[in-house]
Amino acid sequence: MDFQMLYKMQKQLDNHIEAKHQLEDENVLDRKILAFHVELAELANETRCFKFWSEKAPSDDAIILEEYVDGIHFILSIGIEYGYDNETMFEAPKQTKKTGEALVPYFFEVINATSLLREKGDKTSFDHLFTSYLTLGEALGFSANNIIDAYKNKNEVNYQRQQQGY
């Protein structure tokens, strides 16, 4: 999957946000990593994969996909912060669609990869995080086209939110 266009879009959005909020000289990497954790938790919440006490069904795939691409936004932004945006090809092992508790190990893999990246900060750790997250996307049943289209849509929403003082 080629992320060159998405990196470009993310860099433009990041620059817009940094200029608007006067963050050009601030290091916001830790806040981006924490934001990614929050988005990952929101994604897990929509899948309901951990809610053994509840009979309520997961959210619709469209809602889950929107939460998923929120995570893509932050992974791209984190990659830009680290200077790892020159490699744009990432592939995830093919997965069959999973539901319920079968998704839990995929979330833990992403959590562990995020912690490792924060600890080491190296390219290998970043690549592992990106691949782990794409593997989670595969397990959720999302294609590359689903992800790219949803990213573009959410990118527009993010610009609108910035204009509205979100």
C-alpha atoms as a PDB file:
ATOM      1  CA  MET A   1       0.000   0.000   0.000  1.00  0.00           C
ATOM      2  CA  ASP A   2       1.488   3.327  -1.054  1.00  0.00           C
ATOM      3  CA  PHE A   3       1.126   6.126   1.474  1.00  0.00           C
ATOM      4  CA  GLN A   4       3.010   8.842  -0.440  1.00  0.00           C
ATOM      5  CA  MET A   5      -0.132  10.857  -1.165  1.00  0.00           C
ATOM      6  CA  LEU A   6      -1.429  10.429   2.381  1.00  0.00           C
ATOM      7  CA  TYR A   7       1.898  11.550   3.853  1.00  0.00           C
ATOM      8  CA  LYS A   8       1.718  14.666   1.683  1.00  0.00           C
ATOM      9  CA  MET A   9      -1.847  15.370   2.800  1.00  0.00           C
ATOM     10  CA  GLN A  10      -0.933  14.768   6.439  1.00  0.00           C
ATOM     11  CA  LYS A  11       2.104  17.032   6.255  1.00  0.00           C
ATOM     12  CA  GLN A  12      -0.099  19.825   4.875  1.00  0.00           C
ATOM     13  CA  LEU A  13      -2.655  19.305   7.643  1.00  0.00           C
ATOM     14  CA  ASP A  14       0.063  19.204  10.316  1.00  0.00           C
ATOM     15  CA  ASN A  15       1.587  22.423   8.966  1.00  0.00           C
ATOM     16  CA  HIS A  16      -1.834  24.077   8.952  1.00  0.00           C
ATOM     17  CA  ILE A  17      -2.522  23.041  12.555  1.00  0.00           C
ATOM     18  CA  GLU A  18       0.961  24.019  13.759  1.00  0.00           C
ATOM     19  CA  ALA A  19       0.709  27.458  12.141  1.00  0.00           C
ATOM     20  CA  LYS A  20      -2.811  28.069  13.413  1.00  0.00           C
ATOM     21  CA  HIS A  21      -1.914  27.074  16.972  1.00  0.00           C
ATOM     22  CA  GLN A  22       1.629  28.517  16.876  1.00  0.00           C
ATOM     23  CA  LEU A  23       3.268  25.153  17.487  1.00  0.00           C
ATOM     24  CA  GLU A  24       6.046  25.356  14.894  1.00  0.00           C
ATOM     25  CA  ASP A  25       8.753  25.465  17.575  1.00  0.00           C
ATOM     26  CA  GLU A  26       7.179  22.965  19.970  1.00  0.00           C
ATOM     27  CA  ASN A  27       7.857  19.256  20.234  1.00  0.00           C
ATOM     28  CA  VAL A  28       4.430  17.624  20.171  1.00  0.00           C
ATOM     29  CA  LEU A  29       5.595  14.055  19.530  1.00  0.00           C
ATOM     30  CA  ASP A  30       4.562  12.682  22.934  1.00  0.00           C
ATOM     31  CA  ARG A  31       1.146  14.314  22.590  1.00  0.00           C
ATOM     32  CA  LYS A  32       0.738  12.746  19.149  1.00  0.00           C
ATOM     33  CA  ILE A  33       1.654   9.324  20.524  1.00  0.00           C
ATOM     34  CA  LEU A  34      -0.826   9.765  23.382  1.00  0.00           C
ATOM     35  CA  ALA A  35      -3.468  10.942  20.889  1.00  0.00           C
ATOM     36  CA  PHE A  36      -2.831   7.790  18.865  1.00  0.00           C
ATOM     37  CA  HIS A  37      -3.399   5.682  21.998  1.00  0.00           C
ATOM     38  CA  VAL A  38      -6.686   7.500  22.586  1.00  0.00           C
ATOM     39  CA  GLU A  39      -7.772   6.932  18.979  1.00  0.00           C
ATOM     40  CA  LEU A  40      -6.859   3.252  19.285  1.00  0.00           C
ATOM     41  CA  ALA A  41      -9.009   3.011  22.420  1.00  0.00           C
ATOM     42  CA  GLU A  42     -11.885   4.728  20.614  1.00  0.00           C
ATOM     43  CA  LEU A  43     -11.524   2.198  17.802  1.00  0.00           C
ATOM     44  CA  ALA A  44     -11.591  -0.709  20.264  1.00  0.00           C
ATOM     45  CA  ASN A  45     -14.654   0.827  21.882  1.00  0.00           C
ATOM     46  CA  GLU A  46     -16.510   0.913  18.553  1.00  0.00           C
ATOM     47  CA  THR A  47     -15.617  -2.726  17.809  1.00  0.00           C
ATOM     48  CA  ARG A  48     -16.719  -3.678  21.329  1.00  0.00           C
ATOM     49  CA  CYS A  49     -14.186  -6.526  21.118  1.00  0.00           C
ATOM     50  CA  PHE A  50     -13.370  -6.331  24.822  1.00  0.00           C
ATOM     51  CA  LYS A  51     -16.898  -5.809  26.168  1.00  0.00           C
ATOM     52  CA  PHE A  52     -17.582  -9.328  27.425  1.00  0.00           C
ATOM     53  CA  TRP A  53     -20.317  -7.958  29.692  1.00  0.00           C
ATOM     54  CA  SER A  54     -22.388  -6.447  26.883  1.00  0.00           C
ATOM     55  CA  GLU A  55     -24.767  -7.896  24.317  1.00  0.00           C
ATOM     56  CA  LYS A  56     -24.772  -4.754  22.169  1.00  0.00           C
ATOM     57  CA  ALA A  57     -23.417  -5.261  18.642  1.00  0.00           C
ATOM     58  CA  PRO A  58     -20.342  -3.465  17.299  1.00  0.00           C
ATOM     59  CA  SER A  59     -20.837  -0.152  15.543  1.00  0.00           C
ATOM     60  CA  ASP A  60     -21.411  -0.113  11.801  1.00  0.00           C
ATOM     61  CA  ASP A  61     -18.338  -0.698   9.640  1.00  0.00           C
ATOM     62  CA  ALA A  62     -18.447   2.936   8.455  1.00  0.00           C
ATOM     63  CA  ILE A  63     -18.054   4.203  12.022  1.00  0.00           C
ATOM     64  CA  ILE A  64     -15.299   1.697  12.771  1.00  0.00           C
ATOM     65  CA  LEU A  65     -13.497   2.694   9.562  1.00  0.00           C
ATOM     66  CA  GLU A  66     -13.687   6.380  10.491  1.00  0.00           C
ATOM     67  CA  GLU A  67     -12.154   5.621  13.888  1.00  0.00           C
ATOM     68  CA  TYR A  68      -9.523   3.476  12.203  1.00  0.00           C
ATOM     69  CA  VAL A  69      -8.418   6.263   9.844  1.00  0.00           C
ATOM     70  CA  ASP A  70      -8.147   8.646  12.802  1.00  0.00           C
ATOM     71  CA  GLY A  71      -5.329   6.331  13.852  1.00  0.00           C
ATOM     72  CA  ILE A  72      -3.807   6.466  10.358  1.00  0.00           C
ATOM     73  CA  HIS A  73      -3.739  10.267  10.641  1.00  0.00           C
ATOM     74  CA  PHE A  74      -1.705  10.053  13.828  1.00  0.00           C
ATOM     75  CA  ILE A  75       0.642   7.305  12.607  1.00  0.00           C
ATOM     76  CA  LEU A  76       1.452   9.388   9.533  1.00  0.00           C
ATOM     77  CA  SER A  77       1.938  12.468  11.703  1.00  0.00           C
ATOM     78  CA  ILE A  78       4.214  10.544  14.081  1.00  0.00           C
ATOM     79  CA  GLY A  79       6.209   9.255  11.099  1.00  0.00           C
ATOM     80  CA  ILE A  80       6.627  12.832   9.889  1.00  0.00           C
ATOM     81  CA  GLU A  81       7.823  13.917  13.350  1.00  0.00           C
ATOM     82  CA  TYR A  82      10.450  11.172  13.348  1.00  0.00           C
ATOM     83  CA  GLY A  83      11.454  11.933   9.755  1.00  0.00           C
ATOM     84  CA  TYR A  84      10.323   8.509   8.554  1.00  0.00           C
ATOM     85  CA  ASP A  85       7.982   9.810   5.858  1.00  0.00           C
ATOM     86  CA  ASN A  86      10.383   9.017   2.998  1.00  0.00           C
ATOM     87  CA  GLU A  87       9.380   5.349   3.008  1.00  0.00           C
ATOM     88  CA  THR A  88       5.828   5.188   1.783  1.00  0.00           C
ATOM     89  CA  MET A  89       5.217   1.497   1.034  1.00  0.00           C
ATOM     90  CA  PHE A  90       3.792  -0.635   3.819  1.00  0.00           C
ATOM     91  CA  GLU A  91       2.137  -4.018   3.504  1.00  0.00           C
ATOM     92  CA  ALA A  92       0.214  -6.004   6.051  1.00  0.00           C
ATOM     93  CA  PRO A  93      -0.162  -9.758   6.007  1.00  0.00           C
ATOM     94  CA  LYS A  94      -3.565 -10.719   4.613  1.00  0.00           C
ATOM     95  CA  GLN A  95      -6.126 -11.466   7.290  1.00  0.00           C
ATOM     96  CA  THR A  96      -9.633 -12.792   7.257  1.00  0.00           C
ATOM     97  CA  LYS A  97     -12.164 -10.493   8.864  1.00  0.00           C
ATOM     98  CA  LYS A  98     -12.301 -10.947  12.615  1.00  0.00           C
ATOM     99  CA  THR A  99     -14.914  -9.914  15.141  1.00  0.00           C
ATOM    100  CA  GLY A 100     -15.320  -9.884  18.894  1.00  0.00           C
ATOM    101  CA  GLU A 101     -12.579 -11.206  21.090  1.00  0.00           C
ATOM    102  CA  ALA A 102     -10.595 -12.423  18.056  1.00  0.00           C
ATOM    103  CA  LEU A 103      -9.596  -8.764  17.561  1.00  0.00           C
ATOM    104  CA  VAL A 104      -8.068  -8.352  21.023  1.00  0.00           C
ATOM    105  CA  PRO A 105      -4.576  -9.708  20.133  1.00  0.00           C
ATOM    106  CA  TYR A 106      -4.380  -7.285  17.202  1.00  0.00           C
ATOM    107  CA  PHE A 107      -5.040  -4.340  19.511  1.00  0.00           C
ATOM    108  CA  PHE A 108      -2.392  -5.553  21.961  1.00  0.00           C
ATOM    109  CA  GLU A 109       0.124  -5.879  19.130  1.00  0.00           C
ATOM    110  CA  VAL A 110      -0.474  -2.235  18.184  1.00  0.00           C
ATOM    111  CA  ILE A 111      -0.263  -1.133  21.831  1.00  0.00           C
ATOM    112  CA  ASN A 112       3.051  -2.963  22.276  1.00  0.00           C
ATOM    113  CA  ALA A 113       4.418  -1.592  18.993  1.00  0.00           C
ATOM    114  CA  THR A 114       3.484   1.951  20.040  1.00  0.00           C
ATOM    115  CA  SER A 115       5.270   1.563  23.369  1.00  0.00           C
ATOM    116  CA  LEU A 116       8.345   0.163  21.637  1.00  0.00           C
ATOM    117  CA  LEU A 117       8.404   3.072  19.197  1.00  0.00           C
ATOM    118  CA  ARG A 118       8.189   5.593  22.024  1.00  0.00           C
ATOM    119  CA  GLU A 119      11.013   3.805  23.847  1.00  0.00           C
ATOM    120  CA  LYS A 120      13.359   3.319  20.878  1.00  0.00           C
ATOM    121  CA  GLY A 121      12.252   5.853  18.286  1.00  0.00           C
ATOM    122  CA  ASP A 122      13.960   3.926  15.504  1.00  0.00           C
ATOM    123  CA  LYS A 123      12.764   3.197  11.970  1.00  0.00           C
ATOM    124  CA  THR A 124      12.313  -0.514  12.641  1.00  0.00           C
ATOM    125  CA  SER A 125       9.953   0.237  15.534  1.00  0.00           C
ATOM    126  CA  PHE A 126       7.991   2.719  13.422  1.00  0.00           C
ATOM    127  CA  ASP A 127       7.675   0.222  10.583  1.00  0.00           C
ATOM    128  CA  HIS A 128       6.469  -2.394  13.059  1.00  0.00           C
ATOM    129  CA  LEU A 129       3.821  -0.016  14.410  1.00  0.00           C
ATOM    130  CA  PHE A 130       2.595   0.878  10.927  1.00  0.00           C
ATOM    131  CA  THR A 131       2.487  -2.755   9.811  1.00  0.00           C
ATOM    132  CA  SER A 132       0.738  -3.829  13.028  1.00  0.00           C
ATOM    133  CA  TYR A 133      -1.901  -1.159  12.540  1.00  0.00           C
ATOM    134  CA  LEU A 134      -2.425  -2.126   8.908  1.00  0.00           C
ATOM    135  CA  THR A 135      -2.758  -5.750  10.022  1.00  0.00           C
ATOM    136  CA  LEU A 136      -5.456  -4.645  12.464  1.00  0.00           C
ATOM    137  CA  GLY A 137      -7.176  -2.881   9.557  1.00  0.00           C
ATOM    138  CA  GLU A 138      -7.055  -6.100   7.551  1.00  0.00           C
ATOM    139  CA  ALA A 139      -8.523  -8.004  10.502  1.00  0.00           C
ATOM    140  CA  LEU A 140     -11.314  -5.421  10.637  1.00  0.00           C
ATOM    141  CA  GLY A 141     -12.033  -6.198   6.989  1.00  0.00           C
ATOM    142  CA  PHE A 142     -10.801  -2.937   5.439  1.00  0.00           C
ATOM    143  CA  SER A 143      -9.179  -2.833   2.012  1.00  0.00           C
ATOM    144  CA  ALA A 144      -6.476  -0.393   0.956  1.00  0.00           C
ATOM    145  CA  ASN A 145      -9.063   1.518  -1.072  1.00  0.00           C
ATOM    146  CA  ASN A 146     -11.420   1.695   1.936  1.00  0.00           C
ATOM    147  CA  ILE A 147      -8.629   3.154   4.049  1.00  0.00           C
ATOM    148  CA  ILE A 148      -7.429   5.670   1.452  1.00  0.00           C
ATOM    149  CA  ASP A 149     -10.931   6.912   0.638  1.00  0.00           C
ATOM    150  CA  ALA A 150     -11.882   7.209   4.308  1.00  0.00           C
ATOM    151  CA  TYR A 151      -8.601   9.007   5.056  1.00  0.00           C
ATOM    152  CA  LYS A 152      -9.297  11.589   2.349  1.00  0.00           C
ATOM    153  CA  ASN A 153     -12.813  12.163   3.668  1.00  0.00           C
ATOM    154  CA  LYS A 154     -11.634  12.525   7.267  1.00  0.00           C
ATOM    155  CA  ASN A 155      -8.822  14.837   6.176  1.00  0.00           C
ATOM    156  CA  GLU A 156     -11.444  17.221   4.775  1.00  0.00           C
ATOM    157  CA  VAL A 157     -13.417  16.972   8.017  1.00  0.00           C
ATOM    158  CA  ASN A 158     -10.259  17.790   9.994  1.00  0.00           C
ATOM    159  CA  TYR A 159      -9.722  20.966   7.956  1.00  0.00           C
ATOM    160  CA  GLN A 160     -13.358  21.961   8.505  1.00  0.00           C
ATOM    161  CA  ARG A 161     -12.952  21.386  12.230  1.00  0.00           C
ATOM    162  CA  GLN A 162      -9.892  23.624  12.292  1.00  0.00           C
ATOM    163  CA  GLN A 163     -11.861  26.371  10.555  1.00  0.00           C
ATOM    164  CA  GLN A 164     -14.668  25.983  13.102  1.00  0.00           C
ATOM    165  CA  GLY A 165     -12.361  26.210  16.119  1.00  0.00           C
ATOM    166  CA  TYR A 166     -12.641  22.513  17.027  1.00  0.00           C
END
